[in-house]
Amino acid sequence: MLDFLKRRAEARPEAKASAAGPVIAYAGSGRVAWSPRDISSLTRAGFAGNPVGFRAVKLIAEAAAAIPLVLQDEERRFDVHPLLSMIRRPNPGQGQAEMFEALFGQMLLSGNGYVEAVPDGAGAPFELHVLRSDRMRVVPGTDGWPVAFEYAVGGRKHRFPVADGVSTVCHVKAFHPQDDHYGLSPMQAAAQAVDVHNSASAWSKALLDNAARPSGAIVYNGGEGQGTMSADQYDRLLSEMEAYHIGARNAGRPMLLEG
């Protein structure tokens, strides 16, 4: 976690570690613990490609970003503080509301939020940047705790080391009952409902494109009025029906009928 909120040096605590740490550690320390879900696909299907998911994420993220922040210690509440000034203008491209909306949006889409604190010359945080969750990977150590965060863009990678539990990257994650390093995305839990909604929308769109009804029917009469087909003709027709008249893409296309 970020360590800049401490106001004075503290005595070094006794070294402690969970006995289950080595058990939950991934095989081979230093290797990337890959996310079990494709965040990019969930984002495209559930946010960028679904109006219900888009609206839900925007409403929650904007409402959470609008909550006033309170900074206080054990003695008093601060109205003026360098930390408050930095949060009001965390970086040249964002204000406080935009940064927190991006952070909450990342958590809603992926279950994880990553904030990078850029230090000044004295080592104090000077800027805050929300990093994309789909580009970040947690690198666990032999005891199961993160030893680094790896950020990849294209073919380039950058590692943010974790020393004594302190890093320039703050990882905020939702509860996940089956993952030790990543949070559970609400979008992942809603993935099946999103697929159903998107498939129904695609079907309706295809039906409208085809005038919302079959445009006609082709009736096979055969030679000399014999309205029957051979076995080969029937099998070929059946395969063509499956290929050209089943599914949302073919909704409303004309059908070939025998008789």
C-alpha atoms as a PDB file:
ATOM      1  CA  MET A   1       0.000   0.000   0.000  1.00  0.00           C
ATOM      2  CA  LEU A   2       1.041   3.625  -0.251  1.00  0.00           C
ATOM      3  CA  ASP A   3       3.091   4.688   2.750  1.00  0.00           C
ATOM      4  CA  PHE A   4       2.934   8.488   2.529  1.00  0.00           C
ATOM      5  CA  LEU A   5       0.064   8.909   5.024  1.00  0.00           C
ATOM      6  CA  LYS A   6       2.326   8.066   7.961  1.00  0.00           C
ATOM      7  CA  ARG A   7       3.178  11.235   9.898  1.00  0.00           C
ATOM      8  CA  ARG A   8       6.147   9.899  11.842  1.00  0.00           C
ATOM      9  CA  ALA A   9       8.545   6.991  11.755  1.00  0.00           C
ATOM     10  CA  GLU A  10       7.303   3.914  13.511  1.00  0.00           C
ATOM     11  CA  ALA A  11       9.205   1.112  15.157  1.00  0.00           C
ATOM     12  CA  ARG A  12       9.818  -1.761  12.802  1.00  0.00           C
ATOM     13  CA  PRO A  13       7.158  -4.361  13.605  1.00  0.00           C
ATOM     14  CA  GLU A  14       7.936  -7.962  14.299  1.00  0.00           C
ATOM     15  CA  ALA A  15       8.186  -9.954  11.099  1.00  0.00           C
ATOM     16  CA  LYS A  16       5.078 -12.057  10.658  1.00  0.00           C
ATOM     17  CA  ALA A  17       3.767 -14.214   7.856  1.00  0.00           C
ATOM     18  CA  SER A  18       0.786 -16.433   7.281  1.00  0.00           C
ATOM     19  CA  ALA A  19       1.559 -20.136   7.477  1.00  0.00           C
ATOM     20  CA  ALA A  20      -0.658 -20.619   4.422  1.00  0.00           C
ATOM     21  CA  GLY A  21       1.426 -18.228   2.342  1.00  0.00           C
ATOM     22  CA  PRO A  22       3.747 -20.806   0.767  1.00  0.00           C
ATOM     23  CA  VAL A  23       0.746 -23.014   0.022  1.00  0.00           C
ATOM     24  CA  ILE A  24      -1.196 -20.382  -1.909  1.00  0.00           C
ATOM     25  CA  ALA A  25       1.895 -19.108  -3.713  1.00  0.00           C
ATOM     26  CA  TYR A  26       1.898 -19.852  -7.415  1.00  0.00           C
ATOM     27  CA  ALA A  27       4.358 -22.434  -8.649  1.00  0.00           C
ATOM     28  CA  GLY A  28       7.592 -20.728  -9.550  1.00  0.00           C
ATOM     29  CA  SER A  29       8.108 -17.428  -7.739  1.00  0.00           C
ATOM     30  CA  GLY A  30       8.528 -14.302  -9.847  1.00  0.00           C
ATOM     31  CA  ARG A  31       6.177 -15.464 -12.587  1.00  0.00           C
ATOM     32  CA  VAL A  32       3.062 -13.554 -13.517  1.00  0.00           C
ATOM     33  CA  ALA A  33      -0.239 -14.675 -11.960  1.00  0.00           C
ATOM     34  CA  TRP A  34      -2.569 -14.382 -14.943  1.00  0.00           C
ATOM     35  CA  SER A  35      -6.085 -13.143 -14.444  1.00  0.00           C
ATOM     36  CA  PRO A  36      -8.685 -15.909 -14.857  1.00  0.00           C
ATOM     37  CA  ARG A  37     -10.909 -13.703 -17.026  1.00  0.00           C
ATOM     38  CA  ASP A  38     -10.298 -11.657 -20.141  1.00  0.00           C
ATOM     39  CA  ILE A  39     -11.004  -8.149 -18.858  1.00  0.00           C
ATOM     40  CA  SER A  40     -10.896  -6.631 -22.337  1.00  0.00           C
ATOM     41  CA  SER A  41     -13.633  -8.951 -23.620  1.00  0.00           C
ATOM     42  CA  LEU A  42     -15.818  -8.304 -20.570  1.00  0.00           C
ATOM     43  CA  THR A  43     -15.384  -4.556 -21.037  1.00  0.00           C
ATOM     44  CA  ARG A  44     -16.272  -4.682 -24.731  1.00  0.00           C
ATOM     45  CA  ALA A  45     -19.334  -6.882 -24.213  1.00  0.00           C
ATOM     46  CA  GLY A  46     -20.626  -5.541 -20.903  1.00  0.00           C
ATOM     47  CA  PHE A  47     -19.727  -1.847 -21.058  1.00  0.00           C
ATOM     48  CA  ALA A  48     -18.838  -0.596 -24.528  1.00  0.00           C
ATOM     49  CA  GLY A  49     -21.354  -2.913 -26.224  1.00  0.00           C
ATOM     50  CA  ASN A  50     -24.228  -2.998 -23.743  1.00  0.00           C
ATOM     51  CA  PRO A  51     -26.335   0.066 -22.834  1.00  0.00           C
ATOM     52  CA  VAL A  52     -27.528  -1.409 -19.534  1.00  0.00           C
ATOM     53  CA  GLY A  53     -24.011  -2.235 -18.348  1.00  0.00           C
ATOM     54  CA  PHE A  54     -22.711   1.128 -19.561  1.00  0.00           C
ATOM     55  CA  ARG A  55     -25.391   3.031 -17.685  1.00  0.00           C
ATOM     56  CA  ALA A  56     -24.956   1.018 -14.485  1.00  0.00           C
ATOM     57  CA  VAL A  57     -21.176   1.486 -14.397  1.00  0.00           C
ATOM     58  CA  LYS A  58     -21.445   5.220 -15.179  1.00  0.00           C
ATOM     59  CA  LEU A  59     -24.086   5.827 -12.497  1.00  0.00           C
ATOM     60  CA  ILE A  60     -22.141   4.038  -9.767  1.00  0.00           C
ATOM     61  CA  ALA A  61     -18.727   5.463 -10.713  1.00  0.00           C
ATOM     62  CA  GLU A  62     -19.975   9.050 -11.026  1.00  0.00           C
ATOM     63  CA  ALA A  63     -21.922   8.856  -7.759  1.00  0.00           C
ATOM     64  CA  ALA A  64     -18.954   7.400  -5.870  1.00  0.00           C
ATOM     65  CA  ALA A  65     -16.587   9.999  -7.336  1.00  0.00           C
ATOM     66  CA  ALA A  66     -18.870  12.808  -6.115  1.00  0.00           C
ATOM     67  CA  ILE A  67     -18.615  11.794  -2.433  1.00  0.00           C
ATOM     68  CA  PRO A  68     -16.649  14.448  -0.475  1.00  0.00           C
ATOM     69  CA  LEU A  69     -13.309  13.324   0.936  1.00  0.00           C
ATOM     70  CA  VAL A  70     -12.366  13.791   4.592  1.00  0.00           C
ATOM     71  CA  LEU A  71      -8.748  13.843   5.763  1.00  0.00           C
ATOM     72  CA  GLN A  72      -8.110  13.505   9.470  1.00  0.00           C
ATOM     73  CA  ASP A  73      -5.774  11.941  12.005  1.00  0.00           C
ATOM     74  CA  GLU A  74      -6.302  10.945  15.623  1.00  0.00           C
ATOM     75  CA  GLU A  75      -6.459  14.570  16.747  1.00  0.00           C
ATOM     76  CA  ARG A  76      -8.195  16.706  14.142  1.00  0.00           C
ATOM     77  CA  ARG A  77      -9.693  17.053  10.694  1.00  0.00           C
ATOM     78  CA  PHE A  78      -7.743  18.889   8.003  1.00  0.00           C
ATOM     79  CA  ASP A  79      -9.344  21.463   5.730  1.00  0.00           C
ATOM     80  CA  VAL A  80      -6.019  22.368   4.123  1.00  0.00           C
ATOM     81  CA  HIS A  81      -3.322  19.794   3.505  1.00  0.00           C
ATOM     82  CA  PRO A  82      -0.808  19.015   0.728  1.00  0.00           C
ATOM     83  CA  LEU A  83      -2.481  15.641   0.214  1.00  0.00           C
ATOM     84  CA  LEU A  84      -5.871  17.286  -0.360  1.00  0.00           C
ATOM     85  CA  SER A  85      -4.307  19.701  -2.837  1.00  0.00           C
ATOM     86  CA  MET A  86      -2.740  16.814  -4.751  1.00  0.00           C
ATOM     87  CA  ILE A  87      -6.006  14.871  -4.880  1.00  0.00           C
ATOM     88  CA  ARG A  88      -7.917  17.913  -6.170  1.00  0.00           C
ATOM     89  CA  ARG A  89      -5.470  18.017  -9.094  1.00  0.00           C
ATOM     90  CA  PRO A  90      -3.899  14.547  -9.179  1.00  0.00           C
ATOM     91  CA  ASN A  91      -2.275  14.912 -12.598  1.00  0.00           C
ATOM     92  CA  PRO A  92      -2.242  17.356 -15.541  1.00  0.00           C
ATOM     93  CA  GLY A  93      -4.969  15.474 -17.393  1.00  0.00           C
ATOM     94  CA  GLN A  94      -7.498  14.856 -14.633  1.00  0.00           C
ATOM     95  CA  GLY A  95      -9.224  16.468 -11.710  1.00  0.00           C
ATOM     96  CA  GLN A  96     -10.399  14.758  -8.555  1.00  0.00           C
ATOM     97  CA  ALA A  97     -13.770  13.643  -9.952  1.00  0.00           C
ATOM     98  CA  GLU A  98     -12.282  12.307 -13.194  1.00  0.00           C
ATOM     99  CA  MET A  99      -9.582  10.333 -11.388  1.00  0.00           C
ATOM    100  CA  PHE A 100     -11.980   8.707  -8.942  1.00  0.00           C
ATOM    101  CA  GLU A 101     -14.505   7.963 -11.687  1.00  0.00           C
ATOM    102  CA  ALA A 102     -11.744   6.164 -13.595  1.00  0.00           C
ATOM    103  CA  LEU A 103     -10.715   4.252 -10.461  1.00  0.00           C
ATOM    104  CA  PHE A 104     -14.248   3.143  -9.577  1.00  0.00           C
ATOM    105  CA  GLY A 105     -14.945   2.314 -13.216  1.00  0.00           C
ATOM    106  CA  GLN A 106     -11.912   0.031 -13.353  1.00  0.00           C
ATOM    107  CA  MET A 107     -13.048  -1.720 -10.184  1.00  0.00           C
ATOM    108  CA  LEU A 108     -16.564  -2.246 -11.530  1.00  0.00           C
ATOM    109  CA  LEU A 109     -15.286  -3.633 -14.830  1.00  0.00           C
ATOM    110  CA  SER A 110     -12.402  -5.761 -13.551  1.00  0.00           C
ATOM    111  CA  GLY A 111     -12.720  -5.970  -9.770  1.00  0.00           C
ATOM    112  CA  ASN A 112      -9.322  -4.266  -9.474  1.00  0.00           C
ATOM    113  CA  GLY A 113      -8.086  -0.692  -9.321  1.00  0.00           C
ATOM    114  CA  TYR A 114      -4.458   0.430  -9.530  1.00  0.00           C
ATOM    115  CA  VAL A 115      -3.250   3.915  -8.569  1.00  0.00           C
ATOM    116  CA  GLU A 116       0.348   4.935  -9.235  1.00  0.00           C
ATOM    117  CA  ALA A 117       1.923   7.599  -7.002  1.00  0.00           C
ATOM    118  CA  VAL A 118       4.635   9.477  -8.905  1.00  0.00           C
ATOM    119  CA  PRO A 119       7.213  10.789  -6.380  1.00  0.00           C
ATOM    120  CA  ASP A 120       8.944  14.145  -6.474  1.00  0.00           C
ATOM    121  CA  GLY A 121      12.643  14.696  -5.839  1.00  0.00           C
ATOM    122  CA  ALA A 122      12.211  14.192  -2.105  1.00  0.00           C
ATOM    123  CA  GLY A 123      10.292  10.937  -2.536  1.00  0.00           C
ATOM    124  CA  ALA A 124       6.887  12.355  -1.591  1.00  0.00           C
ATOM    125  CA  PRO A 125       3.973  11.676  -3.961  1.00  0.00           C
ATOM    126  CA  PHE A 126       3.602  14.436  -6.521  1.00  0.00           C
ATOM    127  CA  GLU A 127       1.017  13.003  -8.950  1.00  0.00           C
ATOM    128  CA  LEU A 128      -1.568  10.198  -8.948  1.00  0.00           C
ATOM    129  CA  HIS A 129      -2.459   8.144 -12.032  1.00  0.00           C
ATOM    130  CA  VAL A 130      -5.091   5.413 -12.425  1.00  0.00           C
ATOM    131  CA  LEU A 131      -3.611   2.535 -14.426  1.00  0.00           C
ATOM    132  CA  ARG A 132      -5.649   0.245 -16.633  1.00  0.00           C
ATOM    133  CA  SER A 133      -6.486  -3.044 -14.947  1.00  0.00           C
ATOM    134  CA  ASP A 134      -6.323  -5.071 -18.159  1.00  0.00           C
ATOM    135  CA  ARG A 135      -2.662  -4.110 -18.540  1.00  0.00           C
ATOM    136  CA  MET A 136      -1.604  -4.862 -14.968  1.00  0.00           C
ATOM    137  CA  ARG A 137      -0.496  -8.221 -13.583  1.00  0.00           C
ATOM    138  CA  VAL A 138       0.436  -9.196 -10.038  1.00  0.00           C
ATOM    139  CA  VAL A 139       3.768 -10.981  -9.597  1.00  0.00           C
ATOM    140  CA  PRO A 140       3.660 -13.148  -6.430  1.00  0.00           C
ATOM    141  CA  GLY A 141       6.682 -14.192  -4.407  1.00  0.00           C
ATOM    142  CA  THR A 142       7.507 -17.497  -2.743  1.00  0.00           C
ATOM    143  CA  ASP A 143       5.349 -16.617   0.270  1.00  0.00           C
ATOM    144  CA  GLY A 144       2.318 -15.764  -1.859  1.00  0.00           C
ATOM    145  CA  TRP A 145       2.505 -12.008  -1.350  1.00  0.00           C
ATOM    146  CA  PRO A 146       3.126  -9.668  -4.307  1.00  0.00           C
ATOM    147  CA  VAL A 147       6.750  -8.800  -4.994  1.00  0.00           C
ATOM    148  CA  ALA A 148       5.967  -6.602  -8.006  1.00  0.00           C
ATOM    149  CA  PHE A 149       3.273  -5.245 -10.290  1.00  0.00           C
ATOM    150  CA  GLU A 150       3.891  -5.676 -14.009  1.00  0.00           C
ATOM    151  CA  TYR A 151       2.340  -3.170 -16.436  1.00  0.00           C
ATOM    152  CA  ALA A 152       2.378  -4.107 -20.126  1.00  0.00           C
ATOM    153  CA  VAL A 153       1.575  -1.904 -23.130  1.00  0.00           C
ATOM    154  CA  GLY A 154       2.054  -3.557 -26.488  1.00  0.00           C
ATOM    155  CA  GLY A 155       5.392  -5.330 -26.342  1.00  0.00           C
ATOM    156  CA  ARG A 156       6.816  -3.162 -23.562  1.00  0.00           C
ATOM    157  CA  LYS A 157       6.630  -4.003 -19.852  1.00  0.00           C
ATOM    158  CA  HIS A 158       7.420  -2.094 -16.687  1.00  0.00           C
ATOM    159  CA  ARG A 159       7.703  -3.565 -13.194  1.00  0.00           C
ATOM    160  CA  PHE A 160       6.801  -1.677 -10.046  1.00  0.00           C
ATOM    161  CA  PRO A 161       8.661  -3.452  -7.216  1.00  0.00           C
ATOM    162  CA  VAL A 162       7.142  -4.070  -3.795  1.00  0.00           C
ATOM    163  CA  ALA A 163       9.683  -3.620  -0.981  1.00  0.00           C
ATOM    164  CA  ASP A 164       8.634  -4.504   2.586  1.00  0.00           C
ATOM    165  CA  GLY A 165       4.993  -4.313   1.528  1.00  0.00           C
ATOM    166  CA  VAL A 166       5.383  -0.784   0.129  1.00  0.00           C
ATOM    167  CA  SER A 167       5.078   0.147  -3.544  1.00  0.00           C
ATOM    168  CA  THR A 168       4.395   3.196  -5.678  1.00  0.00           C
ATOM    169  CA  VAL A 169       1.307   1.304  -6.890  1.00  0.00           C
ATOM    170  CA  CYS A 170      -1.727   0.946  -4.638  1.00  0.00           C
ATOM    171  CA  HIS A 171      -3.850  -2.088  -5.540  1.00  0.00           C
ATOM    172  CA  VAL A 172      -7.513  -1.805  -4.523  1.00  0.00           C
ATOM    173  CA  LYS A 173      -9.496  -4.971  -5.157  1.00  0.00           C
ATOM    174  CA  ALA A 174     -12.953  -6.358  -4.559  1.00  0.00           C
ATOM    175  CA  PHE A 175     -13.521  -9.529  -2.566  1.00  0.00           C
ATOM    176  CA  HIS A 176     -12.917 -12.735  -4.498  1.00  0.00           C
ATOM    177  CA  PRO A 177     -13.519 -16.056  -2.707  1.00  0.00           C
ATOM    178  CA  GLN A 178     -11.404 -18.070  -5.157  1.00  0.00           C
ATOM    179  CA  ASP A 179      -8.479 -15.801  -6.042  1.00  0.00           C
ATOM    180  CA  ASP A 180      -5.630 -14.663  -3.798  1.00  0.00           C
ATOM    181  CA  HIS A 181      -4.368 -11.842  -6.013  1.00  0.00           C
ATOM    182  CA  TYR A 182      -7.271 -10.395  -8.010  1.00  0.00           C
ATOM    183  CA  GLY A 183     -10.721  -9.083  -7.134  1.00  0.00           C
ATOM    184  CA  LEU A 184     -13.983 -10.425  -8.527  1.00  0.00           C
ATOM    185  CA  SER A 185     -15.471  -8.209 -11.209  1.00  0.00           C
ATOM    186  CA  PRO A 186     -19.210  -7.464 -11.006  1.00  0.00           C
ATOM    187  CA  MET A 187     -19.140  -7.643 -14.796  1.00  0.00           C
ATOM    188  CA  GLN A 188     -17.800 -11.192 -14.562  1.00  0.00           C
ATOM    189  CA  ALA A 189     -20.700 -12.205 -12.332  1.00  0.00           C
ATOM    190  CA  ALA A 190     -23.124 -10.665 -14.843  1.00  0.00           C
ATOM    191  CA  ALA A 191     -21.391 -12.125 -17.916  1.00  0.00           C
ATOM    192  CA  GLN A 192     -24.130 -14.642 -18.764  1.00  0.00           C
ATOM    193  CA  ALA A 193     -26.876 -12.036 -18.408  1.00  0.00           C
ATOM    194  CA  VAL A 194     -24.874  -9.681 -20.624  1.00  0.00           C
ATOM    195  CA  ASP A 195     -24.495 -12.397 -23.274  1.00  0.00           C
ATOM    196  CA  VAL A 196     -28.239 -13.079 -23.240  1.00  0.00           C
ATOM    197  CA  HIS A 197     -29.059  -9.380 -23.575  1.00  0.00           C
ATOM    198  CA  ASN A 198     -26.543  -8.830 -26.378  1.00  0.00           C
ATOM    199  CA  SER A 199     -27.729 -11.934 -28.266  1.00  0.00           C
ATOM    200  CA  ALA A 200     -31.361 -10.849 -27.985  1.00  0.00           C
ATOM    201  CA  SER A 201     -30.449  -7.387 -29.264  1.00  0.00           C
ATOM    202  CA  ALA A 202     -28.541  -8.860 -32.209  1.00  0.00           C
ATOM    203  CA  TRP A 203     -31.501 -11.113 -33.057  1.00  0.00           C
ATOM    204  CA  SER A 204     -33.951  -8.204 -32.947  1.00  0.00           C
ATOM    205  CA  LYS A 205     -31.668  -6.064 -35.103  1.00  0.00           C
ATOM    206  CA  ALA A 206     -31.330  -8.814 -37.726  1.00  0.00           C
ATOM    207  CA  LEU A 207     -35.098  -9.313 -37.742  1.00  0.00           C
ATOM    208  CA  LEU A 208     -35.647  -5.597 -38.330  1.00  0.00           C
ATOM    209  CA  ASP A 209     -33.069  -5.596 -41.120  1.00  0.00           C
ATOM    210  CA  ASN A 210     -35.147  -8.304 -42.842  1.00  0.00           C
ATOM    211  CA  ALA A 211     -38.438  -6.365 -42.468  1.00  0.00           C
ATOM    212  CA  ALA A 212     -39.357  -8.314 -39.300  1.00  0.00           C
ATOM    213  CA  ARG A 213     -40.906 -11.142 -41.353  1.00  0.00           C
ATOM    214  CA  PRO A 214     -39.922 -13.736 -43.963  1.00  0.00           C
ATOM    215  CA  SER A 215     -39.836 -11.972 -47.313  1.00  0.00           C
ATOM    216  CA  GLY A 216     -41.230 -15.013 -49.121  1.00  0.00           C
ATOM    217  CA  ALA A 217     -41.130 -18.786 -49.555  1.00  0.00           C
ATOM    218  CA  ILE A 218     -39.798 -21.007 -52.323  1.00  0.00           C
ATOM    219  CA  VAL A 219     -41.918 -24.130 -52.887  1.00  0.00           C
ATOM    220  CA  TYR A 220     -40.396 -27.150 -54.620  1.00  0.00           C
ATOM    221  CA  ASN A 221     -42.898 -28.946 -56.880  1.00  0.00           C
ATOM    222  CA  GLY A 222     -40.497 -31.326 -58.622  1.00  0.00           C
ATOM    223  CA  GLY A 223     -40.825 -32.761 -62.083  1.00  0.00           C
ATOM    224  CA  GLU A 224     -44.329 -33.381 -63.412  1.00  0.00           C
ATOM    225  CA  GLY A 225     -45.900 -32.045 -60.249  1.00  0.00           C
ATOM    226  CA  GLN A 226     -44.105 -34.493 -57.968  1.00  0.00           C
ATOM    227  CA  GLY A 227     -43.531 -32.439 -54.813  1.00  0.00           C
ATOM    228  CA  THR A 228     -41.011 -34.759 -53.232  1.00  0.00           C
ATOM    229  CA  MET A 229     -37.228 -34.716 -53.010  1.00  0.00           C
ATOM    230  CA  SER A 230     -34.655 -37.445 -53.088  1.00  0.00           C
ATOM    231  CA  ALA A 231     -32.676 -38.225 -49.949  1.00  0.00           C
ATOM    232  CA  ASP A 232     -29.640 -36.342 -51.286  1.00  0.00           C
ATOM    233  CA  GLN A 233     -31.750 -33.298 -52.150  1.00  0.00           C
ATOM    234  CA  TYR A 234     -33.350 -33.331 -48.726  1.00  0.00           C
ATOM    235  CA  ASP A 235     -30.002 -33.575 -46.915  1.00  0.00           C
ATOM    236  CA  ARG A 236     -28.593 -30.727 -49.003  1.00  0.00           C
ATOM    237  CA  LEU A 237     -31.646 -28.584 -48.296  1.00  0.00           C
ATOM    238  CA  LEU A 238     -31.402 -29.316 -44.579  1.00  0.00           C
ATOM    239  CA  SER A 239     -27.756 -28.267 -44.449  1.00  0.00           C
ATOM    240  CA  GLU A 240     -28.556 -25.070 -46.367  1.00  0.00           C
ATOM    241  CA  MET A 241     -31.409 -24.287 -43.980  1.00  0.00           C
ATOM    242  CA  GLU A 242     -29.073 -24.680 -41.011  1.00  0.00           C
ATOM    243  CA  ALA A 243     -26.444 -22.495 -42.666  1.00  0.00           C
ATOM    244  CA  TYR A 244     -28.664 -19.736 -44.055  1.00  0.00           C
ATOM    245  CA  HIS A 245     -31.905 -19.669 -42.058  1.00  0.00           C
ATOM    246  CA  ILE A 246     -30.994 -20.330 -38.409  1.00  0.00           C
ATOM    247  CA  GLY A 247     -29.681 -17.732 -35.978  1.00  0.00           C
ATOM    248  CA  ALA A 248     -29.947 -13.986 -35.531  1.00  0.00           C
ATOM    249  CA  ARG A 249     -27.931 -13.230 -38.670  1.00  0.00           C
ATOM    250  CA  ASN A 250     -30.494 -15.035 -40.837  1.00  0.00           C
ATOM    251  CA  ALA A 251     -33.681 -13.862 -39.111  1.00  0.00           C
ATOM    252  CA  GLY A 252     -36.352 -13.031 -41.689  1.00  0.00           C
ATOM    253  CA  ARG A 253     -34.641 -14.553 -44.742  1.00  0.00           C
ATOM    254  CA  PRO A 254     -36.849 -16.327 -47.313  1.00  0.00           C
ATOM    255  CA  MET A 255     -37.297 -20.072 -46.852  1.00  0.00           C
ATOM    256  CA  LEU A 256     -37.277 -22.951 -49.333  1.00  0.00           C
ATOM    257  CA  LEU A 257     -40.229 -25.291 -48.753  1.00  0.00           C
ATOM    258  CA  GLU A 258     -41.133 -28.648 -50.306  1.00  0.00           C
ATOM    259  CA  GLY A 259     -44.666 -29.525 -51.397  1.00  0.00           C
END
